[in-house]
Protein backbone atom coordinates (compact mmCIF):
# COMPACT_ATOMS: atom_id res chain seq x y z
CA UNK A 1 5.41 -19.54 -20.05
CA UNK A 2 2.63 -19.05 -17.50
CA UNK A 3 2.29 -15.54 -16.16
CA UNK A 4 3.07 -16.53 -12.56
CA UNK A 5 6.52 -17.80 -13.58
CA UNK A 6 7.04 -14.82 -15.90
CA UNK A 7 6.15 -12.42 -13.07
CA UNK A 8 8.59 -14.07 -10.66
CA UNK A 9 11.38 -14.12 -13.27
CA UNK A 10 10.78 -10.41 -13.90
CA UNK A 11 11.20 -9.59 -10.19
CA UNK A 12 14.40 -11.67 -10.02
CA UNK A 13 15.84 -10.33 -13.27
CA UNK A 14 15.36 -6.66 -12.40
CA UNK A 15 16.88 -7.19 -8.94
CA UNK A 16 14.27 -5.18 -7.07
CA UNK A 17 14.85 -4.58 -3.38
CA UNK A 18 13.06 -6.60 -0.69
CA UNK A 19 10.58 -3.76 -0.04
CA UNK A 20 9.60 -3.79 -3.72
CA UNK A 21 9.18 -7.58 -3.72
CA UNK A 22 6.95 -7.42 -0.64
CA UNK A 23 4.79 -4.80 -2.35
CA UNK A 24 4.34 -6.90 -5.49
CA UNK A 25 0.97 -8.55 -6.11
CA UNK A 26 0.95 -11.98 -4.34
CA UNK A 27 -0.09 -13.74 -7.54
CA UNK A 28 0.62 -17.32 -6.37
CA UNK A 29 -1.25 -16.82 -3.09
CA UNK A 30 -4.22 -15.36 -4.94
CA UNK A 31 -4.33 -18.36 -7.27
CA UNK A 32 -4.45 -20.76 -4.29
CA UNK A 33 -7.19 -18.69 -2.67
CA UNK A 34 -9.14 -18.68 -5.93
CA UNK A 35 -9.03 -22.47 -5.95
CA UNK A 36 -10.65 -22.47 -2.51
CA UNK A 37 -13.34 -20.05 -3.70
CA UNK A 38 -14.13 -22.32 -6.61
CA UNK A 39 -14.40 -25.34 -4.31
CA UNK A 40 -16.58 -23.43 -1.82
CA UNK A 41 -19.05 -22.38 -4.53
CA UNK A 42 -19.27 -25.85 -6.01
CA UNK A 43 -19.96 -27.37 -2.60
CA UNK A 44 -23.00 -25.08 -2.54
CA UNK A 45 -24.01 -26.26 -6.00
CA UNK A 46 -23.17 -22.83 -7.46
CA UNK A 47 -21.02 -23.85 -10.40
CA UNK A 48 -20.07 -21.16 -12.98
CA UNK A 49 -22.87 -22.11 -15.34
CA UNK A 50 -25.51 -21.85 -12.61
CA UNK A 51 -24.12 -18.53 -11.37
CA UNK A 52 -23.97 -17.16 -14.89
CA UNK A 53 -27.66 -17.89 -15.42
CA UNK A 54 -28.68 -16.41 -12.08
CA UNK A 55 -26.67 -13.23 -12.67
CA UNK A 56 -27.85 -12.80 -16.26
CA UNK A 57 -31.57 -13.56 -15.80
CA UNK A 58 -33.94 -10.92 -14.45
CA UNK A 59 -37.32 -10.94 -12.77
CA UNK A 60 -40.34 -9.16 -14.23
CA UNK A 61 -39.19 -6.04 -12.35
CA UNK A 62 -35.75 -6.21 -14.06
CA UNK A 63 -34.01 -7.37 -10.90
CA UNK A 64 -31.31 -10.04 -11.40
CA UNK A 65 -31.83 -13.32 -9.54
CA UNK A 66 -28.29 -13.08 -8.16
CA UNK A 67 -26.03 -10.12 -7.34
CA UNK A 68 -22.34 -10.03 -6.51
CA UNK A 69 -20.84 -6.72 -5.44
CA UNK A 70 -17.79 -5.51 -3.57
CA UNK A 71 -18.35 -2.89 -0.90
CA UNK A 72 -15.41 -0.71 0.09
CA UNK A 73 -15.45 0.39 3.72
CA UNK A 74 -12.49 -0.25 5.99
CA UNK A 75 -12.00 -3.39 3.93
CA UNK A 76 -13.21 -4.83 0.65
CA UNK A 77 -16.32 -6.86 1.51
CA UNK A 78 -17.68 -9.11 -1.26
CA UNK A 79 -21.34 -10.03 -1.06
CA UNK A 80 -23.27 -12.70 -3.01
CA UNK A 81 -27.07 -12.54 -2.72
CA UNK A 82 -29.81 -14.64 -4.36
CA UNK A 83 -33.57 -14.08 -4.65
CA UNK A 84 -35.63 -16.77 -2.88
CA UNK A 85 -39.29 -17.39 -2.17
CA UNK A 86 -39.69 -16.68 1.56
CA UNK A 87 -43.00 -18.56 1.88
CA UNK A 88 -41.65 -22.02 1.21
CA UNK A 89 -37.91 -21.49 0.83
CA UNK A 90 -37.79 -22.48 -2.85
CA UNK A 91 -35.30 -20.53 -4.99
CA UNK A 92 -36.82 -18.46 -7.76
CA UNK A 93 -34.77 -20.25 -10.41
CA UNK A 94 -36.20 -23.77 -10.51
CA UNK A 95 -33.29 -24.86 -12.72
CA UNK A 96 -30.82 -24.78 -9.81
CA UNK A 97 -29.16 -28.04 -8.87
CA UNK A 98 -30.69 -29.97 -5.95
CA UNK A 99 -27.68 -29.05 -3.77
CA UNK A 100 -28.12 -25.33 -4.50
CA UNK A 101 -31.83 -25.41 -3.76
CA UNK A 102 -31.26 -27.32 -0.52
CA UNK A 103 -28.80 -24.71 0.76
CA UNK A 104 -30.98 -21.77 -0.24
CA UNK A 105 -34.07 -23.44 1.24
CA UNK A 106 -32.22 -23.69 4.55
CA UNK A 107 -31.12 -20.05 4.34
CA UNK A 108 -34.62 -18.87 3.50
CA UNK A 109 -36.21 -20.90 6.29
CA UNK A 110 -33.82 -19.50 8.90
CA UNK A 111 -34.30 -15.97 7.50
CA UNK A 112 -38.07 -16.39 7.67
CA UNK A 113 -38.02 -17.47 11.33
CA UNK A 114 -35.29 -15.15 12.70
CA UNK A 115 -34.98 -12.38 10.15
CA UNK A 116 -31.21 -13.02 9.88
CA UNK A 117 -28.99 -15.25 7.79
CA UNK A 118 -28.00 -18.56 9.46
CA UNK A 119 -24.50 -19.26 10.75
CA UNK A 120 -22.02 -21.35 8.79
CA UNK A 121 -23.36 -24.49 10.53
CA UNK A 122 -26.40 -24.27 8.28
CA UNK A 123 -24.18 -24.90 5.28
CA UNK A 124 -22.91 -28.35 4.30
CA UNK A 125 -19.38 -29.02 5.62
CA UNK A 126 -16.62 -28.03 3.20
CA UNK A 127 -14.30 -30.65 1.84
CA UNK A 128 -10.73 -30.38 3.10
CA UNK A 129 -9.11 -32.02 0.09
CA UNK A 130 -7.29 -29.70 -2.35
CA UNK A 131 -8.97 -31.47 -5.23
CA UNK A 132 -12.16 -29.87 -6.50
CA UNK A 133 -15.28 -31.99 -6.02
CA UNK A 134 -17.19 -33.24 -9.02
CA UNK A 135 -19.67 -30.67 -10.27
CA UNK A 136 -23.16 -31.34 -8.98
CA UNK A 137 -25.37 -31.96 -12.03
CA UNK A 138 -27.83 -29.09 -12.46
CA UNK A 139 -31.35 -29.41 -13.74
CA UNK A 140 -31.90 -28.53 -17.42
CA UNK A 141 -31.73 -24.76 -18.01
CA UNK A 142 -35.24 -23.99 -19.15
CA UNK A 143 -36.43 -20.40 -18.98
CA UNK A 144 -40.01 -21.65 -18.73
CA UNK A 145 -39.16 -23.16 -15.36
CA UNK A 146 -38.64 -19.74 -13.76
CA UNK A 147 -41.26 -18.81 -11.20
CA UNK A 148 -43.04 -15.53 -11.93
CA UNK A 149 -41.91 -12.99 -9.35
CA UNK A 150 -45.31 -11.28 -9.45
CA UNK A 151 -46.89 -14.43 -7.98
CA UNK A 152 -44.40 -14.80 -5.15
CA UNK A 153 -43.19 -12.89 -2.09
CA UNK A 154 -39.46 -12.66 -2.76
CA UNK A 155 -36.54 -11.67 -0.60
CA UNK A 156 -32.81 -11.35 -1.27
CA UNK A 157 -30.72 -13.71 0.84
CA UNK A 158 -26.95 -13.38 1.33
CA UNK A 159 -25.00 -16.57 0.69
CA UNK A 160 -22.28 -16.86 3.38
CA UNK A 161 -18.87 -17.25 1.76
CA UNK A 162 -15.46 -16.89 3.37
CA UNK A 163 -12.68 -17.50 0.85
CA UNK A 164 -13.70 -14.64 -1.47
CA UNK A 165 -13.28 -12.29 1.50
CA UNK A 166 -9.80 -13.67 2.06
CA UNK A 167 -9.03 -13.18 -1.67
CA UNK A 168 -9.98 -9.50 -1.65
CA UNK A 169 -8.30 -8.87 1.71
CA UNK A 170 -5.06 -10.08 0.11
CA UNK A 171 -5.53 -7.66 -2.76
CA UNK A 172 -6.45 -4.78 -0.46
CA UNK A 173 -3.35 -5.31 1.67
CA UNK A 174 -1.27 -5.37 -1.49
CA UNK A 175 -2.73 -2.06 -2.67
CA UNK A 176 -1.90 -0.55 0.72
CA UNK A 177 1.69 -1.83 0.36
CA UNK A 178 1.84 -0.43 -3.17
CA UNK A 179 0.65 2.96 -1.92
CA UNK A 180 3.35 3.00 0.75
CA UNK A 181 6.01 2.01 -1.77
CA UNK A 182 4.90 4.75 -4.14
CA UNK A 183 4.96 7.38 -1.41
CA UNK A 184 8.42 6.28 -0.25
CA UNK A 185 9.80 6.12 -3.78
CA UNK A 186 8.32 9.46 -4.78
CA UNK A 187 9.66 11.08 -1.60
CA UNK A 188 13.15 9.70 -2.19
CA UNK A 189 13.14 10.91 -5.81
CA UNK A 190 11.92 14.35 -4.74
CA UNK A 191 14.84 14.64 -2.33
CA UNK A 192 17.30 13.56 -5.04
CA UNK A 193 15.81 16.05 -7.50
CA UNK A 194 16.06 18.90 -4.98
CA UNK A 195 19.71 18.05 -4.23
CA UNK A 196 20.53 17.81 -7.94
CA UNK A 197 18.74 21.11 -8.59
CA UNK A 198 21.03 22.79 -6.06
CA UNK A 199 24.11 21.39 -7.83
CA UNK A 200 22.89 22.56 -11.23
CA UNK A 201 22.23 26.08 -9.95
CA UNK A 202 25.92 26.39 -9.08
CA UNK A 203 27.21 24.61 -12.19
CA UNK A 204 25.19 26.71 -14.64
CA UNK A 205 25.81 30.19 -13.25
CA UNK A 206 26.90 32.49 -16.07
CA UNK A 207 30.70 32.59 -16.10
CA UNK A 208 32.80 35.62 -15.37
CA UNK A 209 36.35 36.13 -16.57
CA UNK A 210 37.72 34.32 -13.51
CA UNK A 211 35.29 31.42 -13.25
CA UNK A 212 34.13 28.44 -15.25
CA UNK A 213 30.58 27.44 -16.13
CA UNK A 214 28.95 24.55 -17.96
CA UNK A 215 25.85 26.58 -18.80
CA UNK A 216 26.10 26.06 -22.58
CA UNK A 217 26.61 22.29 -22.33
CA UNK A 218 23.78 21.82 -19.84
CA UNK A 219 21.50 23.88 -22.08
CA UNK A 220 22.25 21.57 -25.00
CA UNK A 221 21.71 18.49 -22.81
CA UNK A 222 18.32 19.67 -21.59
CA UNK A 223 17.25 20.68 -25.09
CA UNK A 224 17.95 17.10 -26.18
CA UNK A 225 16.09 15.79 -23.13
CA UNK A 226 13.01 17.89 -23.94
CA UNK A 227 13.16 16.68 -27.56
CA UNK A 228 13.40 13.05 -26.36
CA UNK A 229 10.02 13.29 -24.57
CA UNK A 230 11.00 10.30 -22.45
CA UNK A 231 7.89 9.93 -20.31
CA UNK A 232 5.27 12.09 -22.01
CA UNK A 233 4.75 12.80 -25.71
CA UNK A 234 3.18 16.00 -27.00
CA UNK A 235 3.04 15.36 -30.73
CA UNK A 236 -0.36 15.18 -32.38
CA UNK A 237 -0.01 11.59 -33.63
CA UNK A 238 1.87 10.45 -30.54
CA UNK A 239 0.75 12.09 -27.32
CA UNK A 240 0.15 11.11 -23.73
CA UNK A 241 2.03 9.08 -21.14
CA UNK A 242 4.66 6.58 -22.33
CA UNK A 243 4.72 2.98 -21.21
CA UNK A 244 7.98 1.69 -19.71
CA UNK A 245 9.16 0.11 -22.96
CA UNK A 246 8.73 3.31 -24.98
CA UNK A 247 10.18 5.42 -22.15
CA UNK A 248 13.30 3.24 -22.08
CA UNK A 249 13.62 3.51 -25.86
CA UNK A 250 13.49 7.33 -25.70
CA UNK A 251 15.92 7.44 -22.77
CA UNK A 252 18.42 5.32 -24.74
CA UNK A 253 18.01 7.72 -27.70
CA UNK A 254 18.80 10.64 -25.39
CA UNK A 255 21.94 8.93 -24.03
CA UNK A 256 23.12 8.07 -27.55
CA UNK A 257 22.76 11.71 -28.63
CA UNK A 258 24.81 12.85 -25.63
CA UNK A 259 27.55 10.34 -26.46
CA UNK A 260 27.48 11.17 -30.17
CA UNK A 261 28.06 14.87 -29.41
CA UNK A 262 30.55 14.12 -26.64
CA UNK A 263 28.75 16.50 -24.29
CA UNK A 264 29.67 14.66 -21.11
CA UNK A 265 33.36 14.80 -21.97
CA UNK A 266 33.15 18.52 -22.79
CA UNK A 267 32.20 19.54 -19.26
CA UNK A 268 34.66 22.02 -17.77
CA UNK A 269 33.70 21.16 -14.20
CA UNK A 270 34.08 17.59 -12.87
CA UNK A 271 30.96 18.08 -10.74
CA UNK A 272 28.94 18.38 -13.95
CA UNK A 273 29.77 14.80 -14.91
CA UNK A 274 28.62 13.66 -11.48
CA UNK A 275 25.39 15.65 -11.82
CA UNK A 276 24.75 14.22 -15.29
CA UNK A 277 25.19 10.64 -14.00
CA UNK A 278 22.73 11.35 -11.17
CA UNK A 279 20.25 12.76 -13.66
CA UNK A 280 20.44 9.55 -15.70
CA UNK A 281 19.97 7.40 -12.58
CA UNK A 282 16.80 9.34 -11.70
CA UNK A 283 15.37 8.65 -15.13
CA UNK A 284 16.34 4.97 -15.07
CA UNK A 285 14.77 4.52 -11.62
CA UNK A 286 11.53 6.04 -12.85
CA UNK A 287 11.50 3.68 -15.86
CA UNK A 288 12.04 0.72 -13.51
CA UNK A 289 9.15 1.82 -11.30
CA UNK A 290 6.87 2.21 -14.33
CA UNK A 291 7.75 -1.32 -15.44
CA UNK A 292 7.11 -2.65 -11.92
CA UNK A 293 3.75 -0.90 -11.84
CA UNK A 294 2.79 -2.24 -15.28
CA UNK A 295 3.59 -5.85 -14.33
CA UNK A 296 1.57 -5.56 -11.13
CA UNK A 297 -1.36 -4.03 -12.99
CA UNK A 298 -1.28 -6.93 -15.45
CA UNK A 299 -1.12 -9.37 -12.50
CA UNK A 300 -4.32 -7.86 -11.05
CA UNK A 301 -6.08 -7.97 -14.42
CA UNK A 302 -5.13 -11.59 -15.00
CA UNK A 303 -6.12 -12.84 -11.55
CA UNK A 304 -9.50 -11.08 -11.82
CA UNK A 305 -10.08 -12.67 -15.22
CA UNK A 306 -9.28 -16.05 -13.69
CA UNK A 307 -11.73 -15.26 -10.91
CA UNK A 308 -14.47 -14.58 -13.46
CA UNK A 309 -13.65 -17.63 -15.57
CA UNK A 310 -13.91 -19.96 -12.57
CA UNK A 311 -16.88 -18.31 -10.84
CA UNK A 312 -18.76 -16.22 -13.48
CA UNK A 313 -19.14 -13.45 -10.84
CA UNK A 314 -17.94 -10.61 -13.11
CA UNK A 315 -15.44 -8.92 -10.77
CA UNK A 316 -13.25 -7.72 -13.67
CA UNK A 317 -15.82 -4.99 -14.26
CA UNK A 318 -16.79 -4.17 -10.67
CA UNK A 319 -13.50 -4.50 -8.79
CA UNK A 320 -11.51 -1.62 -10.38
CA UNK A 321 -14.41 0.74 -9.61
CA UNK A 322 -14.19 -0.18 -5.95
CA UNK A 323 -10.51 0.72 -5.69
CA UNK A 324 -10.06 3.18 -8.57
CA UNK A 325 -8.23 5.61 -6.28
CA UNK A 326 -5.59 3.07 -5.32
CA UNK A 327 -1.98 3.68 -6.43
CA UNK A 328 -1.64 0.60 -8.62
CA UNK A 329 -4.37 1.86 -10.93
CA UNK A 330 -2.91 5.34 -11.40
CA UNK A 331 0.13 6.88 -13.08
CA UNK A 332 0.39 9.85 -10.73
CA UNK A 333 3.97 9.15 -9.67
CA UNK A 334 5.41 9.51 -13.17
CA UNK A 335 3.53 12.78 -13.64
CA UNK A 336 4.62 14.17 -10.28
CA UNK A 337 8.29 13.22 -10.66
CA UNK A 338 8.47 14.50 -14.24
CA UNK A 339 6.89 17.78 -13.17
CA UNK A 340 9.50 18.16 -10.42
CA UNK A 341 12.36 17.40 -12.83
CA UNK A 342 11.00 20.02 -15.22
CA UNK A 343 10.61 22.68 -12.52
CA UNK A 344 13.78 22.06 -10.51
CA UNK A 345 16.21 20.76 -13.14
CA UNK A 346 15.31 21.58 -16.74
CA UNK A 347 14.06 25.07 -15.90
CA UNK A 348 17.28 25.78 -13.98
CA UNK A 349 18.92 26.35 -17.36
CA UNK A 350 17.05 28.97 -19.43
CA UNK A 351 16.21 27.67 -22.92
CA UNK A 352 16.60 29.85 -25.98
CA UNK A 353 13.20 28.69 -27.28
CA UNK A 354 11.59 30.63 -24.44
CA UNK A 355 13.26 33.88 -25.57
CA UNK A 356 12.87 33.64 -29.34
CA UNK A 357 11.36 36.41 -31.46
CA UNK A 358 8.17 35.00 -33.09
CA UNK A 359 8.97 36.82 -36.36
CA UNK A 360 12.62 36.01 -37.11
CA UNK A 361 12.76 32.90 -34.88
CA UNK A 362 16.11 33.89 -33.36
CA UNK A 363 17.02 35.43 -30.00
CA UNK A 364 14.82 38.48 -29.29
CA UNK A 365 17.67 40.97 -29.11
CA UNK A 366 17.15 43.87 -28.18
CA UNK A 367 13.72 42.89 -26.77
CA UNK A 368 10.78 45.22 -27.33
CA UNK A 369 7.71 44.56 -25.20
CA UNK A 370 4.56 45.87 -26.87
CA UNK A 371 1.55 47.11 -24.91
CA UNK A 372 -0.08 43.70 -25.41
CA UNK A 373 2.95 42.28 -23.48
CA UNK A 374 4.28 40.24 -26.41
CA UNK A 375 8.04 40.48 -27.00
CA UNK A 376 9.89 40.89 -30.33
CA UNK A 377 13.43 41.84 -31.27
CA UNK A 378 13.95 45.50 -32.08
CA UNK A 379 14.82 44.87 -35.74
CA UNK A 380 11.54 43.06 -36.39
CA UNK A 381 9.50 45.82 -34.73
CA UNK A 382 11.26 48.45 -36.85
CA UNK A 383 10.48 46.45 -40.01
CA UNK A 384 6.83 46.12 -39.04
CA UNK A 385 6.60 49.88 -38.49
CA UNK A 386 8.27 50.64 -41.85
CA UNK A 387 5.75 48.40 -43.57
CA UNK A 388 2.93 50.16 -41.68
CA UNK A 389 1.78 46.89 -40.10
CA UNK A 390 -0.15 48.06 -37.08
CA UNK A 391 -1.21 44.76 -35.50
CA UNK A 392 0.75 42.46 -33.21
CA UNK A 393 1.68 39.28 -35.18
CA UNK A 394 0.53 37.15 -32.24
CA UNK A 395 -2.69 38.66 -30.83
CA UNK A 396 -3.56 41.10 -33.69
CA UNK A 397 -3.96 44.03 -31.26
CA UNK A 398 -3.31 47.50 -32.76
CA UNK A 399 -0.10 48.28 -30.83
CA UNK A 400 2.89 48.09 -33.22
CA UNK A 401 2.93 51.75 -34.32
CA UNK A 402 2.84 52.90 -30.68
CA UNK A 403 6.15 51.25 -29.82
CA UNK A 404 9.19 53.47 -29.17
CA UNK A 405 12.36 53.46 -27.05
CA UNK A 406 10.25 53.28 -23.90
CA UNK A 407 9.15 49.80 -24.94
CA UNK A 408 12.67 48.37 -24.73
CA UNK A 409 12.80 45.81 -21.90
CA UNK A 410 16.11 46.64 -20.22
CA UNK A 411 15.84 43.98 -17.51
CA UNK A 412 15.24 41.28 -20.09
CA UNK A 413 18.16 42.65 -22.13
CA UNK A 414 20.49 42.18 -19.15
CA UNK A 415 19.14 38.68 -18.57
CA UNK A 416 19.69 37.67 -22.23
CA UNK A 417 23.17 39.14 -22.24
CA UNK A 418 23.98 37.20 -19.07
CA UNK A 419 22.57 33.79 -20.00
CA UNK A 420 22.79 33.89 -23.82
CA UNK A 421 26.08 35.72 -24.37
CA UNK A 422 27.04 33.77 -27.48
CA UNK A 423 23.59 34.02 -29.08
CA UNK A 424 23.36 37.75 -28.26
CA UNK A 425 26.67 38.45 -30.02
CA UNK A 426 25.57 36.44 -33.05
CA UNK A 427 22.29 38.38 -33.22
CA UNK A 428 24.11 41.70 -32.87
CA UNK A 429 26.38 40.79 -35.75
CA UNK A 430 23.42 39.67 -37.89
CA UNK A 431 21.63 42.95 -37.17
CA UNK A 432 24.73 44.95 -38.14
CA UNK A 433 25.08 43.05 -41.43
CA UNK A 434 21.39 43.54 -42.24
CA UNK A 435 21.64 47.25 -41.43
CA UNK A 436 24.75 47.59 -43.58
CA UNK A 437 23.02 45.97 -46.55
CA UNK A 438 20.10 48.38 -46.12
CA UNK A 439 22.48 51.38 -46.17
CA UNK A 440 25.13 50.31 -48.68
CA UNK A 441 23.49 47.71 -50.88
CA UNK A 442 23.86 43.92 -51.38
CA UNK A 443 27.64 44.13 -51.89
CA UNK A 444 28.19 45.31 -48.32
CA UNK A 445 30.79 43.29 -46.40
CA UNK A 446 30.80 43.41 -42.66
CA UNK A 447 34.11 44.00 -40.85
CA UNK A 448 34.25 43.91 -37.11
CA UNK A 449 36.29 46.67 -35.49
CA UNK A 450 39.76 45.75 -34.31
CA UNK A 451 41.29 47.71 -31.43
CA UNK A 452 45.06 48.29 -31.81
């Protein structure tokens, strides 16, 4: 299937809104415009083979006989120039076809008399038929036929073209539309994330005896989400931004894990189910935008390759440089939205990994903050002191033996007790068992006190 049909089927299949469709690369229009460019060049005798030779061959001063560049000002202005001999109007490359030399001779003569390029009337009339004219036979390509630039007074003459300007104006307008779409979409997602963040703040407040909270379930959900690495991978062998296919695969894995553990059904508050569904929709929308962006990027790459194949002007290399700041060539939206989700959603629920003792790898209860500012649980600090280990396990600073009761972080203790009640009780019990074994031997059995 040709890409144009595949592109259109993609837009229909994904059911994008009208604003998205309007922002999509006008691939069919660009193909029609490219056909006109090809016809215009051939009418001037500048077939791809001739242009390729002119662009690839250099004078004795290493200047190419022909240049094609795209200038970015208020618009994208393409410019084709060719070196000619001003004295008699003969093109430097004697292997040009008769039609090419005739046009350039006229341009050079007008430039010599007025100092400016002639109007379009100086160029042979364009054919109006959609069919491409037969290629004008060029003279044999013989490098010996090139005139030595050192023996001539040369000047660079611009070849007036019109359809290539129309081609790049179409692309420029599309990039502007894509920028607007990205700004609108990113703004809408930011508003949704902010609203969802407000919901989660209420739903994950630590529960009291008279209230309900889904803090534990949301913590497990976000731990799975972080492990899924939907849009960005951090592993050594797999790191960087995901493409839409891989992002969708990781998002499906995340959903399957939620269903397998029944976390959505375990919510105590009905609003939590609503918030979870909104969270999924945000992620799915971002995957859809990534896929839309990828298809449009491919459309640009393919149409530029077609441009080069039919004209030999090499825009595949020069065009992206001219518009490298445009939205279609960047992945900033995915980064920005993911950063907002991390800051306003995932970070709403404190993760136990952020409060783990680096020695025992469990909750740092009771937390001791050494002078180097690193935090460990009180049992691990006591063990380090008994073993006369003076240096912090993380930064190796000589601070362990200086720690005492003043180093207990009481504010952090209250925070851990509030947000990690279950884990704090488990750590307390583990500490009591370990202390009992130290005092009474390996046969010690822990019994919790029962109030009668």
